[in-house]
Amino acid sequence: MFESVAPIIPVRDLDAALARYRRLGFAARAYDGPERYGFVDRDSVSLHLTEWHQHDPLTTASSVYLYVSDADAVHASWRDGVEGRLGEPRDTPWGLREFTYVDPDGTLHRVGSPLR
């Protein structure tokens, strides 16, 4: 039985990325050890962050899909003060209301909720 998944996302500056995820409503903490590694959690979603100085958003980008209960509400809460590119919510042919967010490290976050 699969129980959970935690994608590992490369970031250039762990401290900046942890602060960014806090502004997005995640609980964020750095690994208490020699590696530059972090954990961000919101409800049942967990993401891991690894600081990688060679990370180049043009060639080593990553993406995650976040299923949420209300994409419009999440979008509204992310609208002010978020760094990067935030797309507008739209209805998709596959039955989701979704938007995109590309952070300064080049990670594409697709966020969606079921159409009602």
N, C-alpha and C. Protein backbone atom coordinates (compact mmCIF):
# COMPACT_ATOMS: atom_id res chain seq x y z
N MET A 1 0.84 -1.18 0.00
CA MET A 1 0.00 0.00 0.00
C MET A 1 0.89 1.25 0.00
N PHE A 2 0.64 2.13 -0.94
CA PHE A 2 1.31 3.42 -0.94
C PHE A 2 0.61 4.32 0.07
N GLU A 3 1.37 5.09 0.83
CA GLU A 3 0.77 5.93 1.85
C GLU A 3 0.96 7.42 1.61
N SER A 4 2.07 7.81 1.02
CA SER A 4 2.29 9.23 0.76
C SER A 4 3.45 9.39 -0.21
N VAL A 5 3.62 10.61 -0.67
CA VAL A 5 4.73 10.93 -1.56
C VAL A 5 5.23 12.32 -1.18
N ALA A 6 6.52 12.55 -1.31
CA ALA A 6 7.10 13.86 -1.06
C ALA A 6 8.10 14.16 -2.17
N PRO A 7 7.67 14.88 -3.20
CA PRO A 7 8.60 15.24 -4.27
C PRO A 7 9.77 16.05 -3.72
N ILE A 8 10.95 15.86 -4.28
CA ILE A 8 12.13 16.61 -3.89
C ILE A 8 12.39 17.66 -4.96
N ILE A 9 12.36 18.91 -4.55
CA ILE A 9 12.45 20.05 -5.46
C ILE A 9 13.80 20.74 -5.29
N PRO A 10 14.55 20.93 -6.38
CA PRO A 10 15.82 21.66 -6.27
C PRO A 10 15.58 23.16 -6.13
N VAL A 11 16.36 23.79 -5.25
CA VAL A 11 16.31 25.24 -5.06
C VAL A 11 17.74 25.77 -5.01
N ARG A 12 17.91 27.00 -5.41
CA ARG A 12 19.26 27.60 -5.36
C ARG A 12 19.60 28.14 -3.98
N ASP A 13 18.61 28.62 -3.24
CA ASP A 13 18.82 29.22 -1.92
C ASP A 13 17.76 28.66 -0.98
N LEU A 14 18.15 27.74 -0.13
CA LEU A 14 17.19 27.06 0.75
C LEU A 14 16.46 28.04 1.66
N ASP A 15 17.17 28.98 2.26
CA ASP A 15 16.53 29.92 3.17
C ASP A 15 15.46 30.74 2.46
N ALA A 16 15.77 31.22 1.26
CA ALA A 16 14.79 31.99 0.49
C ALA A 16 13.59 31.13 0.12
N ALA A 17 13.84 29.88 -0.26
CA ALA A 17 12.74 28.98 -0.64
C ALA A 17 11.86 28.66 0.57
N LEU A 18 12.45 28.42 1.72
CA LEU A 18 11.65 28.15 2.92
C LEU A 18 10.78 29.36 3.26
N ALA A 19 11.34 30.55 3.16
CA ALA A 19 10.56 31.77 3.42
C ALA A 19 9.42 31.91 2.42
N ARG A 20 9.70 31.60 1.15
CA ARG A 20 8.68 31.70 0.11
C ARG A 20 7.52 30.75 0.40
N TYR A 21 7.82 29.50 0.74
CA TYR A 21 6.76 28.55 1.04
C TYR A 21 5.98 28.95 2.30
N ARG A 22 6.64 29.58 3.27
CA ARG A 22 5.90 30.08 4.43
C ARG A 22 4.88 31.12 3.99
N ARG A 23 5.28 32.02 3.07
CA ARG A 23 4.34 33.03 2.57
C ARG A 23 3.18 32.39 1.81
N LEU A 24 3.40 31.18 1.27
CA LEU A 24 2.33 30.46 0.57
C LEU A 24 1.46 29.64 1.54
N GLY A 25 1.72 29.74 2.83
CA GLY A 25 0.89 29.08 3.83
C GLY A 25 1.39 27.73 4.29
N PHE A 26 2.61 27.35 3.92
CA PHE A 26 3.18 26.07 4.33
C PHE A 26 3.95 26.24 5.64
N ALA A 27 3.97 25.20 6.44
CA ALA A 27 4.90 25.12 7.56
C ALA A 27 6.23 24.69 6.94
N ALA A 28 7.31 25.38 7.27
CA ALA A 28 8.60 25.11 6.62
C ALA A 28 9.70 25.05 7.67
N ARG A 29 10.59 24.07 7.47
CA ARG A 29 11.73 23.96 8.38
C ARG A 29 12.91 23.37 7.63
N ALA A 30 14.08 23.75 8.07
CA ALA A 30 15.32 23.22 7.50
C ALA A 30 15.69 21.95 8.25
N TYR A 31 16.35 21.05 7.56
CA TYR A 31 16.91 19.85 8.16
C TYR A 31 17.98 20.27 9.15
N ASP A 32 17.96 19.67 10.32
CA ASP A 32 18.93 20.00 11.36
C ASP A 32 20.15 19.10 11.22
N GLY A 33 20.94 19.37 10.22
CA GLY A 33 22.12 18.57 9.93
C GLY A 33 23.01 19.30 8.96
N PRO A 34 24.06 18.67 8.49
CA PRO A 34 25.03 19.37 7.63
C PRO A 34 24.52 19.63 6.21
N GLU A 35 23.56 18.83 5.72
CA GLU A 35 23.06 19.04 4.36
C GLU A 35 22.07 20.20 4.34
N ARG A 36 22.05 20.93 3.23
CA ARG A 36 21.09 22.02 3.04
C ARG A 36 19.83 21.43 2.43
N TYR A 37 18.91 21.07 3.31
CA TYR A 37 17.70 20.33 2.92
C TYR A 37 16.56 20.87 3.76
N GLY A 38 15.36 20.91 3.20
CA GLY A 38 14.22 21.43 3.93
C GLY A 38 12.95 20.66 3.69
N PHE A 39 11.97 20.93 4.54
CA PHE A 39 10.68 20.27 4.50
C PHE A 39 9.59 21.33 4.55
N VAL A 40 8.60 21.23 3.67
CA VAL A 40 7.44 22.12 3.72
C VAL A 40 6.18 21.26 3.70
N ASP A 41 5.25 21.62 4.55
CA ASP A 41 4.01 20.85 4.70
C ASP A 41 2.82 21.79 4.80
N ARG A 42 1.75 21.36 4.18
CA ARG A 42 0.47 22.07 4.32
C ARG A 42 -0.62 21.01 4.23
N ASP A 43 -1.38 20.88 5.30
CA ASP A 43 -2.39 19.83 5.42
C ASP A 43 -1.71 18.49 5.14
N SER A 44 -2.17 17.71 4.17
CA SER A 44 -1.55 16.39 3.93
C SER A 44 -0.49 16.42 2.82
N VAL A 45 -0.13 17.61 2.35
CA VAL A 45 0.87 17.75 1.28
C VAL A 45 2.25 18.01 1.89
N SER A 46 3.24 17.24 1.44
CA SER A 46 4.62 17.42 1.88
C SER A 46 5.53 17.54 0.65
N LEU A 47 6.41 18.52 0.70
CA LEU A 47 7.43 18.70 -0.33
C LEU A 47 8.78 18.77 0.37
N HIS A 48 9.80 18.24 -0.26
CA HIS A 48 11.15 18.36 0.24
C HIS A 48 11.91 19.31 -0.67
N LEU A 49 12.82 20.07 -0.10
CA LEU A 49 13.62 21.02 -0.85
C LEU A 49 15.09 20.67 -0.67
N THR A 50 15.83 20.66 -1.75
CA THR A 50 17.27 20.42 -1.66
C THR A 50 18.01 21.57 -2.31
N GLU A 51 18.94 22.15 -1.55
CA GLU A 51 19.72 23.26 -2.09
C GLU A 51 20.77 22.70 -3.04
N TRP A 52 20.73 23.20 -4.26
CA TRP A 52 21.62 22.72 -5.31
C TRP A 52 22.10 23.94 -6.07
N HIS A 53 23.33 24.34 -5.83
CA HIS A 53 23.86 25.57 -6.43
C HIS A 53 23.97 25.48 -7.94
N GLN A 54 24.10 24.28 -8.49
CA GLN A 54 24.19 24.12 -9.94
C GLN A 54 22.81 24.14 -10.60
N HIS A 55 21.75 24.22 -9.79
CA HIS A 55 20.39 24.23 -10.34
C HIS A 55 20.24 25.42 -11.29
N ASP A 56 19.81 25.14 -12.49
CA ASP A 56 19.56 26.16 -13.49
C ASP A 56 18.11 26.01 -13.93
N PRO A 57 17.25 26.94 -13.55
CA PRO A 57 15.83 26.82 -13.90
C PRO A 57 15.56 26.63 -15.39
N LEU A 58 16.48 27.04 -16.25
CA LEU A 58 16.27 26.87 -17.69
C LEU A 58 16.50 25.44 -18.15
N THR A 59 17.29 24.67 -17.38
CA THR A 59 17.61 23.31 -17.83
C THR A 59 17.28 22.22 -16.82
N THR A 60 17.01 22.57 -15.58
CA THR A 60 16.75 21.55 -14.55
C THR A 60 15.47 21.84 -13.78
N ALA A 61 14.47 22.35 -14.46
CA ALA A 61 13.22 22.71 -13.80
C ALA A 61 12.46 21.46 -13.36
N SER A 62 11.57 21.65 -12.39
CA SER A 62 10.74 20.55 -11.91
C SER A 62 9.30 21.05 -11.83
N SER A 63 8.38 20.12 -11.62
CA SER A 63 6.98 20.51 -11.49
C SER A 63 6.26 19.58 -10.52
N VAL A 64 5.22 20.12 -9.89
CA VAL A 64 4.37 19.36 -8.98
C VAL A 64 2.92 19.75 -9.25
N TYR A 65 2.02 18.82 -9.00
CA TYR A 65 0.59 19.11 -9.09
C TYR A 65 0.03 19.02 -7.69
N LEU A 66 -0.63 20.09 -7.24
CA LEU A 66 -1.22 20.14 -5.92
C LEU A 66 -2.74 20.12 -6.05
N TYR A 67 -3.35 19.06 -5.56
CA TYR A 67 -4.81 18.98 -5.54
C TYR A 67 -5.30 19.66 -4.28
N VAL A 68 -6.20 20.61 -4.44
CA VAL A 68 -6.74 21.38 -3.31
C VAL A 68 -8.26 21.35 -3.36
N SER A 69 -8.88 21.76 -2.27
CA SER A 69 -10.35 21.75 -2.25
C SER A 69 -10.94 22.95 -2.98
N ASP A 70 -10.22 24.07 -3.05
CA ASP A 70 -10.75 25.28 -3.69
C ASP A 70 -9.59 26.06 -4.33
N ALA A 71 -9.38 25.85 -5.62
CA ALA A 71 -8.28 26.50 -6.32
C ALA A 71 -8.40 28.01 -6.31
N ASP A 72 -9.63 28.53 -6.42
CA ASP A 72 -9.81 29.98 -6.42
C ASP A 72 -9.39 30.59 -5.08
N ALA A 73 -9.71 29.92 -3.98
CA ALA A 73 -9.33 30.43 -2.66
C ALA A 73 -7.81 30.40 -2.48
N VAL A 74 -7.16 29.32 -2.93
CA VAL A 74 -5.70 29.25 -2.83
C VAL A 74 -5.08 30.34 -3.69
N HIS A 75 -5.58 30.51 -4.90
CA HIS A 75 -5.06 31.55 -5.80
C HIS A 75 -5.18 32.92 -5.14
N ALA A 76 -6.33 33.21 -4.55
CA ALA A 76 -6.53 34.50 -3.90
C ALA A 76 -5.54 34.70 -2.76
N SER A 77 -5.25 33.65 -2.02
CA SER A 77 -4.33 33.79 -0.89
C SER A 77 -2.88 33.91 -1.36
N TRP A 78 -2.56 33.44 -2.56
CA TRP A 78 -1.21 33.53 -3.10
C TRP A 78 -1.00 34.79 -3.94
N ARG A 79 -2.05 35.50 -4.26
CA ARG A 79 -1.97 36.61 -5.21
C ARG A 79 -1.03 37.72 -4.77
N ASP A 80 -1.09 38.10 -3.50
CA ASP A 80 -0.27 39.22 -3.03
C ASP A 80 1.03 38.75 -2.40
N GLY A 81 2.11 39.31 -2.82
CA GLY A 81 3.39 39.06 -2.19
C GLY A 81 4.13 37.82 -2.65
N VAL A 82 3.62 37.11 -3.64
CA VAL A 82 4.30 35.92 -4.11
C VAL A 82 5.31 36.30 -5.19
N GLU A 83 6.50 35.73 -5.10
CA GLU A 83 7.52 35.97 -6.12
C GLU A 83 7.35 34.95 -7.23
N GLY A 84 7.57 35.35 -8.46
CA GLY A 84 7.45 34.44 -9.58
C GLY A 84 6.27 34.81 -10.45
N ARG A 85 5.79 33.83 -11.23
CA ARG A 85 4.68 34.06 -12.16
C ARG A 85 3.46 33.27 -11.70
N LEU A 86 2.38 33.98 -11.45
CA LEU A 86 1.13 33.37 -11.01
C LEU A 86 0.10 33.51 -12.12
N GLY A 87 -0.36 32.36 -12.65
CA GLY A 87 -1.37 32.38 -13.70
C GLY A 87 -2.77 32.50 -13.11
N GLU A 88 -3.70 32.86 -13.95
CA GLU A 88 -5.09 32.99 -13.53
C GLU A 88 -5.80 31.63 -13.53
N PRO A 89 -6.72 31.42 -12.60
CA PRO A 89 -7.49 30.16 -12.60
C PRO A 89 -8.33 30.03 -13.87
N ARG A 90 -8.48 28.77 -14.30
CA ARG A 90 -9.33 28.50 -15.47
C ARG A 90 -9.92 27.11 -15.33
N ASP A 91 -11.03 26.91 -16.00
CA ASP A 91 -11.66 25.58 -16.04
C ASP A 91 -10.99 24.78 -17.16
N THR A 92 -10.70 23.51 -16.88
CA THR A 92 -10.03 22.67 -17.86
C THR A 92 -11.01 21.65 -18.44
N PRO A 93 -10.71 21.12 -19.64
CA PRO A 93 -11.56 20.08 -20.22
C PRO A 93 -11.53 18.79 -19.41
N TRP A 94 -10.53 18.61 -18.55
CA TRP A 94 -10.42 17.37 -17.76
C TRP A 94 -11.09 17.50 -16.39
N GLY A 95 -11.93 18.54 -16.24
CA GLY A 95 -12.79 18.63 -15.06
C GLY A 95 -12.19 19.26 -13.82
N LEU A 96 -11.16 20.07 -14.00
CA LEU A 96 -10.54 20.74 -12.86
C LEU A 96 -10.54 22.24 -13.06
N ARG A 97 -10.64 22.96 -11.98
CA ARG A 97 -10.39 24.40 -11.95
C ARG A 97 -8.94 24.52 -11.51
N GLU A 98 -8.08 25.12 -12.34
CA GLU A 98 -6.67 25.12 -11.98
C GLU A 98 -5.97 26.41 -12.38
N PHE A 99 -4.82 26.62 -11.73
CA PHE A 99 -3.94 27.72 -12.08
C PHE A 99 -2.50 27.23 -11.96
N THR A 100 -1.59 28.05 -12.46
CA THR A 100 -0.17 27.70 -12.39
C THR A 100 0.58 28.77 -11.61
N TYR A 101 1.65 28.32 -11.00
CA TYR A 101 2.58 29.22 -10.31
C TYR A 101 3.99 28.72 -10.60
N VAL A 102 4.82 29.58 -11.17
CA VAL A 102 6.22 29.25 -11.41
C VAL A 102 7.05 30.10 -10.44
N ASP A 103 7.76 29.42 -9.55
CA ASP A 103 8.54 30.15 -8.54
C ASP A 103 9.88 30.62 -9.12
N PRO A 104 10.62 31.44 -8.39
CA PRO A 104 11.90 31.96 -8.90
C PRO A 104 12.93 30.87 -9.21
N ASP A 105 12.77 29.66 -8.65
CA ASP A 105 13.68 28.56 -8.97
C ASP A 105 13.24 27.79 -10.20
N GLY A 106 12.14 28.21 -10.83
CA GLY A 106 11.67 27.56 -12.04
C GLY A 106 10.73 26.40 -11.82
N THR A 107 10.36 26.10 -10.58
CA THR A 107 9.44 24.99 -10.33
C THR A 107 8.02 25.40 -10.71
N LEU A 108 7.41 24.60 -11.55
CA LEU A 108 6.02 24.81 -11.94
C LEU A 108 5.13 24.11 -10.93
N HIS A 109 4.25 24.88 -10.30
CA HIS A 109 3.24 24.33 -9.39
C HIS A 109 1.90 24.46 -10.12
N ARG A 110 1.30 23.32 -10.43
CA ARG A 110 -0.05 23.35 -10.98
C ARG A 110 -0.97 23.03 -9.82
N VAL A 111 -1.99 23.85 -9.65
CA VAL A 111 -2.88 23.75 -8.50
C VAL A 111 -4.30 23.60 -9.01
N GLY A 112 -4.99 22.56 -8.58
CA GLY A 112 -6.33 22.34 -9.11
C GLY A 112 -7.30 21.74 -8.12
N SER A 113 -8.57 22.02 -8.37
CA SER A 113 -9.66 21.43 -7.59
C SER A 113 -10.75 20.98 -8.56
N PRO A 114 -11.54 19.98 -8.15
CA PRO A 114 -12.62 19.50 -9.03
C PRO A 114 -13.62 20.60 -9.34
N LEU A 115 -14.08 20.63 -10.59
CA LEU A 115 -15.15 21.57 -10.95
C LEU A 115 -16.42 21.13 -10.22
N ARG A 116 -17.17 22.09 -9.79
CA ARG A 116 -18.41 21.79 -9.06
C ARG A 116 -19.58 21.78 -10.00
